Structure formats: C-alpha cells, structure tokens
Amino acid sequence: MIRIELDEPTLARTRIATSPLWEVLTSLYLLHRSPGEPPWPYAGWARHARRVLAEVPAAAPARLLVTPGGTAPDFLTPIPPSPAPTLAEELAVLRATPPELIADQIRSHHGNDAPPDWLRPFVTDRQAALDRLADGIQAYWDAAIAPWWPAMRAALDEEVLNRARALAADGPDALLAGLHERVRWERSVLTLVKPLEHSFRAVNQRLLLIPLIFSRGALSCSTDHPEIVAVSYQARGAALLAEGGPTSAGAADTDRLAVLVGRGRAGVLRALTRPATTAGLAATLGLAPSTVSEHLAALLAAGVVHRRRVGRRVLYGLEPAGLALVTLLGADPATASA
C-alpha cells in the first residue's frame, strides 16, 4: 500500500492533467508486465509496439524508462508542465533537467552509494544522456502511440471534463472517493492498493491527478517534486486501442444487454455510466460519430438516456431506466477479464 496523508491546503489544490510522456512510461510498463500477450483491448497494440521496439533502433533508448527494480527518479518522467501538454513540451522539460535536480533525486533514491550503471550517464554526461532518452521517447511515440493519439486525446478530454465537473460540483472528497477501485479515500489519507509499502505526508503542496489510457489498472505516484504530488490512474477509453473491438466468439451469445438492444447500443449504454459527448463516445468505442449519433437517437427515444448542454458541449448520460438496464444485465463479458 502507498498511503498519502493530505493536509487541507494540498487537498484544496487538487487538479487534473493529461500527459503524453506518462502514457509512454505506462505503455512500456504494460509491455514489461505482460511478456506474453496483454488482455483485450491492449493485445493488438502491444504486438505493434513490440515490433517498433524490435525494428526501430531509434526507439530503443525509451526502454530506459522501464528501470531495474521498478522505481526510478522522477526527473525521467517530470510532472506535466500544463493541464494538457504536448509530448514536445514535456520532452523540452526533460532535456532541460538541471544537474542539481538529478543529483538530489539520485541521492534520495540511492543515498551516498554510487548510482547504478544505467543512471550514471545522467551524472557524467548529463545533456547527452537526456537528449538520447528524449530522442528515443520521441521515436517510440511516433511509431507506437501517435497513430492512436487523436482518439486517445479525445477520450482523455472526456475523462478530464467529467472529473473536473465532479470536482467543481462535489469537491475533492467526492472526486477521490470515486477515482478508481484500487484507490481508497478516507479523509485525510489517500491509499493506492499496490504491493509496495510506503507512507508519506503532503503538506502545503498540490495534488495532481493524471488519467492514463495505458495504465491498465496500475497506479503510480510521483513525490520527488517539492510542490506537487502526482497520482496516475486508469482512464476510461482503452477500448479504442482494440483492433475493431472485442471479438470473442462467445461474447455476443452471453451478453444479455447486447441481445436486448444490440451490441452497438449496449456499448454506448455501458460507456454512459459516466456522461460523455458524441465525439468522446466515438473515440472510446472506436465507432464513427455518425454511428454513435444514431445509437444515441434511438436510446433517447426509448427514454434510457438524456442529453444536457454544458457550456459549448452536449453531454449524454443515463436515465434511471438506462442505469437499471446496465446494472441488472451485468458487465460486458468481453471485458470482464481485462
């Protein structure tokens, strides 16, 4: 367990940000943790990403992010510099990491011992090591993630919008309580359910939540920054990585909701357990926006979903009848083991 005690000023400064660089990190850990084939919906993407790492030499330095022992100084994946940075902006921060920050973080992780061999170049030839890592991350991103990024970004925008609305409407307590099944919030302690045992107190800092498509349920925490504690969690929308969505032969036969309303509309209903826009649903489900609009029109006519305007966006959500359908007929069997 990782237990983070948050004082009131830290809790009050809770914010949300996306991070392409953290997506790179978690995608590499996903490959590392699944030496065979990851479960749906990551399997097709993982095969492609492994080909990239095997056949694109320029991407090889990105592997350094998957460190021996599973922990590394946070300067390798710095805190996002804005709520929605580009990868180029994050890599610019990485390339400009000052030597004193590297020294301080290596010391905090390894004491007065000599740094391990893989970290030593960041001390002895800092700029070359940082540039080599950044170039490798960019090459890996271009080949392994960029083709999926527009859909990922749309899904993450939906995630941030919904979390921000919850934060504004109900405050940080409600937001943290519903963040993830392996995140527990008991004022004033945020607990991440992980094998690692660690506890610390955040005093007069800022809590930054980072939703990630590649998390696959894994949780990470960054504490080396003097002003920010960052916690990542699984975002909705990983289904967009699937090659055409779940195709298990027995899934359609055992999916009672799909038998009742059709597989496309069943997917829309399940996705609307949290309000979403048409574009967000299309990105999450891997469907054309026109197809999603048709499903929504039918579900609106049936009275199982509603639509509400929030600023310039139109959000769809479940009516009580729609929620009852999703609850009573159960989870999608194609994703139950993911």
Protein backbone atom coordinates (compact mmCIF):
# COMPACT_ATOMS: atom_id res chain seq x y z
CA MET A 1 0.00 0.00 0.00
CA ILE A 2 1.06 3.57 -0.67
CA ARG A 3 -0.55 5.87 1.90
CA ILE A 4 -0.50 9.61 1.25
CA GLU A 5 -1.70 11.87 4.04
CA LEU A 6 -3.01 15.09 2.52
CA ASP A 7 -3.39 18.25 4.56
CA GLU A 8 -6.26 20.64 3.79
CA PRO A 9 -4.26 23.07 1.58
CA THR A 10 -2.98 20.15 -0.55
CA LEU A 11 -6.45 18.65 -0.87
CA ALA A 12 -7.96 22.02 -1.81
CA ARG A 13 -5.42 22.38 -4.65
CA THR A 14 -6.39 19.12 -6.37
CA ARG A 15 -6.06 19.44 -10.14
CA ILE A 16 -6.17 17.15 -13.21
CA ALA A 17 -3.75 16.95 -16.15
CA THR A 18 -3.03 14.66 -19.09
CA SER A 19 0.49 13.58 -20.00
CA PRO A 20 1.73 12.00 -23.25
CA LEU A 21 5.06 11.30 -21.55
CA TRP A 22 3.40 9.38 -18.73
CA GLU A 23 1.45 7.45 -21.37
CA VAL A 24 4.81 6.43 -22.86
CA LEU A 25 6.01 5.28 -19.45
CA THR A 26 2.91 3.23 -18.64
CA SER A 27 2.76 1.73 -22.13
CA LEU A 28 6.30 0.42 -21.70
CA TYR A 29 5.47 -0.98 -18.27
CA LEU A 30 2.39 -2.62 -19.77
CA LEU A 31 4.63 -4.43 -22.24
CA HIS A 32 7.09 -5.30 -19.47
CA ARG A 33 4.41 -6.69 -17.15
CA SER A 34 2.86 -8.79 -19.92
CA PRO A 35 5.68 -10.79 -21.51
CA GLY A 36 3.06 -12.83 -23.36
CA GLU A 37 0.04 -11.08 -24.82
CA PRO A 38 -1.79 -8.48 -22.74
CA PRO A 39 -5.56 -8.91 -22.39
CA TRP A 40 -8.12 -7.10 -24.51
CA PRO A 41 -8.04 -4.29 -25.53
CA TYR A 42 -4.24 -3.96 -25.47
CA ALA A 43 -3.22 -7.11 -27.39
CA GLY A 44 -3.23 -5.73 -30.94
CA TRP A 45 -1.50 -2.53 -29.92
CA ALA A 46 1.11 -4.49 -27.92
CA ARG A 47 2.05 -6.59 -30.95
CA HIS A 48 2.59 -3.41 -32.94
CA ALA A 49 4.60 -1.74 -30.15
CA ARG A 50 6.87 -4.75 -29.77
CA ARG A 51 7.60 -4.66 -33.49
CA VAL A 52 8.50 -1.00 -33.10
CA LEU A 53 10.95 -1.72 -30.28
CA ALA A 54 12.48 -4.59 -32.27
CA GLU A 55 12.67 -2.89 -35.66
CA VAL A 56 13.11 0.84 -34.96
CA PRO A 57 16.59 1.31 -33.47
CA ALA A 58 15.97 4.98 -32.70
CA ALA A 59 13.23 3.96 -30.23
CA ALA A 60 15.50 1.71 -28.15
CA PRO A 61 16.56 4.38 -25.57
CA ALA A 62 12.91 4.68 -24.47
CA ARG A 63 13.31 1.28 -22.80
CA LEU A 64 15.36 3.05 -20.13
CA LEU A 65 12.10 4.23 -18.55
CA VAL A 66 11.40 0.62 -17.53
CA THR A 67 14.02 0.58 -14.84
CA PRO A 68 15.55 -2.36 -12.95
CA GLY A 69 13.63 -2.80 -9.72
CA GLY A 70 10.64 -0.84 -11.00
CA THR A 71 11.42 2.53 -9.38
CA ALA A 72 13.35 5.47 -10.74
CA PRO A 73 13.98 9.14 -10.01
CA ASP A 74 11.08 11.27 -11.14
CA PHE A 75 13.23 13.51 -13.32
CA LEU A 76 12.98 10.82 -16.03
CA THR A 77 9.23 11.50 -16.29
CA PRO A 78 8.70 15.03 -14.98
CA ILE A 79 5.42 16.49 -13.80
CA PRO A 80 3.31 17.77 -16.75
CA PRO A 81 4.09 21.49 -17.17
CA SER A 82 0.46 22.37 -18.00
CA PRO A 83 -3.00 20.74 -17.84
CA ALA A 84 -2.71 19.35 -21.39
CA PRO A 85 0.90 19.49 -22.62
CA THR A 86 2.15 18.11 -25.90
CA LEU A 87 4.88 15.48 -25.88
CA ALA A 88 7.28 18.09 -27.30
CA GLU A 89 6.61 20.36 -24.33
CA GLU A 90 7.22 17.55 -21.87
CA LEU A 91 10.40 16.46 -23.61
CA ALA A 92 11.65 20.05 -23.52
CA VAL A 93 11.29 19.91 -19.72
CA LEU A 94 13.14 16.59 -19.66
CA ARG A 95 16.00 17.89 -21.81
CA ALA A 96 16.40 20.95 -19.56
CA THR A 97 16.63 18.99 -16.29
CA PRO A 98 19.25 20.81 -14.18
CA PRO A 99 22.22 18.82 -12.83
CA GLU A 100 21.42 19.69 -9.20
CA LEU A 101 17.94 18.16 -9.54
CA ILE A 102 19.40 14.97 -10.98
CA ALA A 103 21.95 14.78 -8.17
CA ASP A 104 19.33 15.40 -5.47
CA GLN A 105 16.94 12.77 -6.80
CA ILE A 106 19.62 10.14 -7.33
CA ARG A 107 20.79 10.79 -3.78
CA SER A 108 17.26 10.42 -2.42
CA HIS A 109 16.89 7.07 -4.17
CA HIS A 110 20.39 5.66 -3.65
CA GLY A 111 21.83 7.56 -0.69
CA ASN A 112 25.55 8.14 -0.84
CA ASP A 113 26.15 4.99 -2.88
CA ALA A 114 27.32 5.31 -6.47
CA PRO A 115 24.37 5.42 -8.86
CA PRO A 116 23.66 2.23 -10.82
CA ASP A 117 25.25 1.91 -14.23
CA TRP A 118 22.10 2.86 -16.15
CA LEU A 119 21.81 6.17 -14.22
CA ARG A 120 25.48 7.13 -14.24
CA PRO A 121 25.44 8.83 -17.69
CA PHE A 122 22.92 11.37 -16.36
CA VAL A 123 25.64 12.48 -13.93
CA THR A 124 28.76 12.13 -16.06
CA ASP A 125 27.37 13.37 -19.39
CA ARG A 126 24.01 14.86 -18.43
CA GLN A 127 22.92 16.62 -21.61
CA ALA A 128 23.89 13.79 -23.93
CA ALA A 129 22.04 11.28 -21.74
CA LEU A 130 18.92 13.46 -21.53
CA ASP A 131 18.92 14.10 -25.29
CA ARG A 132 19.41 10.41 -26.07
CA LEU A 133 16.48 9.48 -23.82
CA ALA A 134 14.23 12.24 -25.21
CA ASP A 135 15.04 11.30 -28.80
CA GLY A 136 14.28 7.65 -28.06
CA ILE A 137 10.96 8.55 -26.45
CA GLN A 138 10.02 10.67 -29.47
CA ALA A 139 10.87 7.87 -31.91
CA TYR A 140 8.91 5.33 -29.88
CA TRP A 141 5.95 7.73 -29.61
CA ASP A 142 5.92 8.46 -33.35
CA ALA A 143 5.81 4.78 -34.29
CA ALA A 144 3.96 3.12 -31.40
CA ILE A 145 1.49 5.68 -29.98
CA ALA A 146 0.99 8.63 -32.35
CA PRO A 147 -1.38 6.71 -34.68
CA TRP A 148 -3.75 6.20 -31.74
CA TRP A 149 -3.21 9.59 -30.11
CA PRO A 150 -6.10 11.61 -31.65
CA ALA A 151 -8.62 9.07 -30.33
CA MET A 152 -6.76 8.78 -27.03
CA ARG A 153 -6.72 12.55 -26.62
CA ALA A 154 -10.48 12.74 -27.24
CA ALA A 155 -11.11 10.05 -24.63
CA LEU A 156 -8.82 11.78 -22.14
CA ASP A 157 -10.55 15.12 -22.78
CA GLU A 158 -13.81 13.42 -21.83
CA GLU A 159 -12.22 11.99 -18.70
CA VAL A 160 -10.84 15.36 -17.61
CA LEU A 161 -14.14 17.11 -18.34
CA ASN A 162 -16.12 14.68 -16.21
CA ARG A 163 -13.62 14.66 -13.36
CA ALA A 164 -13.41 18.46 -13.41
CA ARG A 165 -17.20 18.71 -13.25
CA ALA A 166 -17.24 16.32 -10.28
CA LEU A 167 -14.51 18.34 -8.58
CA ALA A 168 -16.35 21.62 -9.10
CA ALA A 169 -19.75 20.26 -8.11
CA ASP A 170 -18.91 17.96 -5.20
CA GLY A 171 -15.37 18.84 -4.12
CA PRO A 172 -12.18 16.79 -3.88
CA ASP A 173 -13.59 14.29 -1.35
CA ALA A 174 -16.19 13.01 -3.82
CA LEU A 175 -13.67 13.05 -6.67
CA LEU A 176 -11.10 10.95 -4.82
CA ALA A 177 -13.70 8.55 -3.43
CA GLY A 178 -14.76 7.60 -6.96
CA LEU A 179 -11.39 7.73 -8.67
CA HIS A 180 -10.58 4.04 -9.09
CA GLU A 181 -11.45 0.72 -7.49
CA ARG A 182 -7.90 0.44 -6.10
CA VAL A 183 -7.78 4.00 -4.77
CA ARG A 184 -9.24 4.45 -1.30
CA TRP A 185 -10.01 7.80 0.23
CA GLU A 186 -10.58 8.09 3.98
CA ARG A 187 -10.07 11.67 4.97
CA SER A 188 -7.29 12.60 5.07
CA VAL A 189 -5.43 9.55 3.71
CA LEU A 190 -5.31 8.55 0.04
CA THR A 191 -4.35 4.88 -0.28
CA LEU A 192 -3.12 3.27 -3.51
CA VAL A 193 -3.54 -0.51 -3.34
CA LYS A 194 -0.14 -1.77 -4.53
CA PRO A 195 2.40 -4.37 -3.35
CA LEU A 196 4.83 -1.58 -2.45
CA GLU A 197 4.70 -0.36 1.16
CA HIS A 198 5.27 3.37 1.55
CA SER A 199 3.76 6.23 3.54
CA PHE A 200 4.35 9.96 3.49
CA ARG A 201 2.65 13.24 4.29
CA ALA A 202 1.95 16.03 1.79
CA VAL A 203 1.99 19.42 3.47
CA ASN A 204 1.02 22.61 1.65
CA GLN A 205 1.57 21.04 -1.76
CA ARG A 206 -0.72 20.33 -4.72
CA LEU A 207 -2.33 17.01 -5.65
CA LEU A 208 -2.21 16.37 -9.40
CA LEU A 209 -4.31 13.53 -10.85
CA ILE A 210 -3.17 12.10 -14.20
CA PRO A 211 -5.57 9.79 -16.09
CA LEU A 212 -3.84 7.32 -18.40
CA ILE A 213 -5.16 5.10 -21.18
CA PHE A 214 -2.23 2.66 -20.84
CA SER A 215 -2.44 2.30 -17.08
CA ARG A 216 -4.40 -0.99 -17.25
CA GLY A 217 -5.34 -0.55 -13.62
CA ALA A 218 -1.79 0.17 -12.46
CA LEU A 219 -1.34 3.16 -10.18
CA SER A 220 1.75 5.31 -9.87
CA CYS A 221 2.79 8.11 -7.58
CA SER A 222 5.41 10.82 -8.04
CA THR A 223 6.69 12.54 -4.89
CA ASP A 224 10.09 13.99 -5.79
CA HIS A 225 8.67 17.39 -6.82
CA PRO A 226 8.84 19.86 -3.90
CA GLU A 227 5.40 21.35 -4.62
CA ILE A 228 3.37 18.62 -6.32
CA VAL A 229 2.27 15.07 -5.51
CA ALA A 230 1.16 13.35 -8.72
CA VAL A 231 -1.03 10.24 -8.80
CA SER A 232 -1.94 8.44 -12.02
CA TYR A 233 -4.94 6.16 -12.54
CA GLN A 234 -6.74 4.22 -15.28
CA ALA A 235 -8.83 6.43 -17.56
CA ARG A 236 -11.84 5.24 -19.49
CA GLY A 237 -11.30 4.79 -23.22
CA ALA A 238 -8.77 1.96 -23.51
CA ALA A 239 -11.22 0.19 -25.83
CA LEU A 240 -10.07 2.47 -28.64
CA LEU A 241 -6.81 0.50 -28.74
CA ALA A 242 -8.63 -2.65 -29.78
CA GLU A 243 -8.50 -3.78 -33.38
CA GLY A 244 -12.17 -3.47 -34.17
CA GLY A 245 -13.23 -4.01 -30.56
CA PRO A 246 -13.82 -7.26 -28.68
CA THR A 247 -14.40 -10.24 -30.94
CA SER A 248 -14.66 -13.12 -28.51
CA ALA A 249 -16.80 -15.77 -30.19
CA GLY A 250 -18.90 -16.42 -27.12
CA ALA A 251 -19.27 -12.82 -26.02
CA ALA A 252 -22.24 -11.92 -28.19
CA ASP A 253 -24.11 -15.04 -27.11
CA THR A 254 -23.67 -14.34 -23.39
CA ASP A 255 -24.03 -10.55 -23.43
CA ARG A 256 -27.65 -10.16 -22.35
CA LEU A 257 -27.68 -6.40 -22.83
CA ALA A 258 -26.45 -6.79 -26.42
CA VAL A 259 -29.10 -9.44 -27.08
CA LEU A 260 -31.75 -6.96 -25.89
CA VAL A 261 -30.66 -3.70 -27.55
CA GLY A 262 -27.88 -4.66 -29.97
CA ARG A 263 -24.13 -4.69 -29.40
CA GLY A 264 -23.52 -1.09 -30.54
CA ARG A 265 -26.20 0.37 -28.29
CA ALA A 266 -25.09 -1.86 -25.42
CA GLY A 267 -21.60 -0.39 -25.74
CA VAL A 268 -22.99 3.14 -25.70
CA LEU A 269 -25.10 2.42 -22.61
CA ARG A 270 -22.13 0.97 -20.74
CA ALA A 271 -19.93 3.90 -21.74
CA LEU A 272 -22.54 6.34 -20.41
CA THR A 273 -22.12 5.23 -16.82
CA ARG A 274 -20.18 8.49 -16.86
CA PRO A 275 -21.58 11.37 -19.02
CA ALA A 276 -19.87 11.82 -22.38
CA THR A 277 -20.13 13.73 -25.65
CA THR A 278 -20.75 12.14 -29.04
CA ALA A 279 -17.11 12.64 -30.03
CA GLY A 280 -15.90 11.18 -26.75
CA LEU A 281 -18.11 8.11 -27.14
CA ALA A 282 -16.90 7.64 -30.71
CA ALA A 283 -13.26 7.73 -29.58
CA THR A 284 -13.87 5.46 -26.60
CA LEU A 285 -15.84 2.84 -28.54
CA GLY A 286 -13.94 3.04 -31.83
CA LEU A 287 -17.10 3.92 -33.76
CA ALA A 288 -17.87 6.62 -36.31
CA PRO A 289 -19.52 9.70 -34.78
CA SER A 290 -22.48 9.21 -37.14
CA THR A 291 -22.96 5.68 -35.83
CA VAL A 292 -22.85 6.90 -32.23
CA SER A 293 -25.37 9.63 -33.07
CA GLU A 294 -27.76 7.02 -34.47
CA HIS A 295 -27.45 4.88 -31.33
CA LEU A 296 -27.97 7.94 -29.10
CA ALA A 297 -31.07 9.00 -31.03
CA ALA A 298 -32.62 5.58 -30.51
CA LEU A 299 -31.69 5.46 -26.83
CA LEU A 300 -33.06 8.99 -26.31
CA ALA A 301 -36.33 7.97 -27.95
CA ALA A 302 -36.50 4.95 -25.64
CA GLY A 303 -36.05 7.19 -22.60
CA VAL A 304 -32.96 5.41 -21.27
CA VAL A 305 -30.51 8.29 -21.83
CA HIS A 306 -30.73 12.08 -21.55
CA ARG A 307 -28.79 14.98 -23.05
CA ARG A 308 -27.71 18.20 -21.32
CA ARG A 309 -25.73 21.17 -22.55
CA VAL A 310 -22.65 22.11 -20.50
CA GLY A 311 -21.12 25.29 -21.91
CA ARG A 312 -20.39 24.58 -25.57
CA ARG A 313 -20.66 20.80 -25.20
CA VAL A 314 -23.64 18.45 -25.16
CA LEU A 315 -23.24 15.65 -22.63
CA TYR A 316 -25.24 12.42 -22.68
CA GLY A 317 -25.92 10.39 -19.56
CA LEU A 318 -28.05 7.52 -18.29
CA GLU A 319 -31.63 7.91 -17.15
CA PRO A 320 -32.63 5.66 -14.21
CA ALA A 321 -34.06 3.15 -16.69
CA GLY A 322 -30.75 3.03 -18.58
CA LEU A 323 -28.76 2.62 -15.39
CA ALA A 324 -31.08 -0.21 -14.37
CA LEU A 325 -30.50 -1.97 -17.69
CA VAL A 326 -26.73 -1.77 -17.34
CA THR A 327 -26.81 -2.80 -13.68
CA LEU A 328 -29.30 -5.66 -13.95
CA LEU A 329 -27.95 -7.21 -17.13
CA GLY A 330 -24.38 -7.16 -15.95
CA ALA A 331 -20.93 -6.21 -17.26
CA ASP A 332 -19.76 -6.85 -20.80
CA PRO A 333 -18.36 -10.43 -20.78
CA ALA A 334 -15.72 -9.41 -23.33
CA THR A 335 -14.16 -7.05 -20.79
CA ALA A 336 -14.78 -8.95 -17.59
CA SER A 337 -11.30 -10.48 -17.54
CA ALA A 338 -9.42 -7.42 -18.81
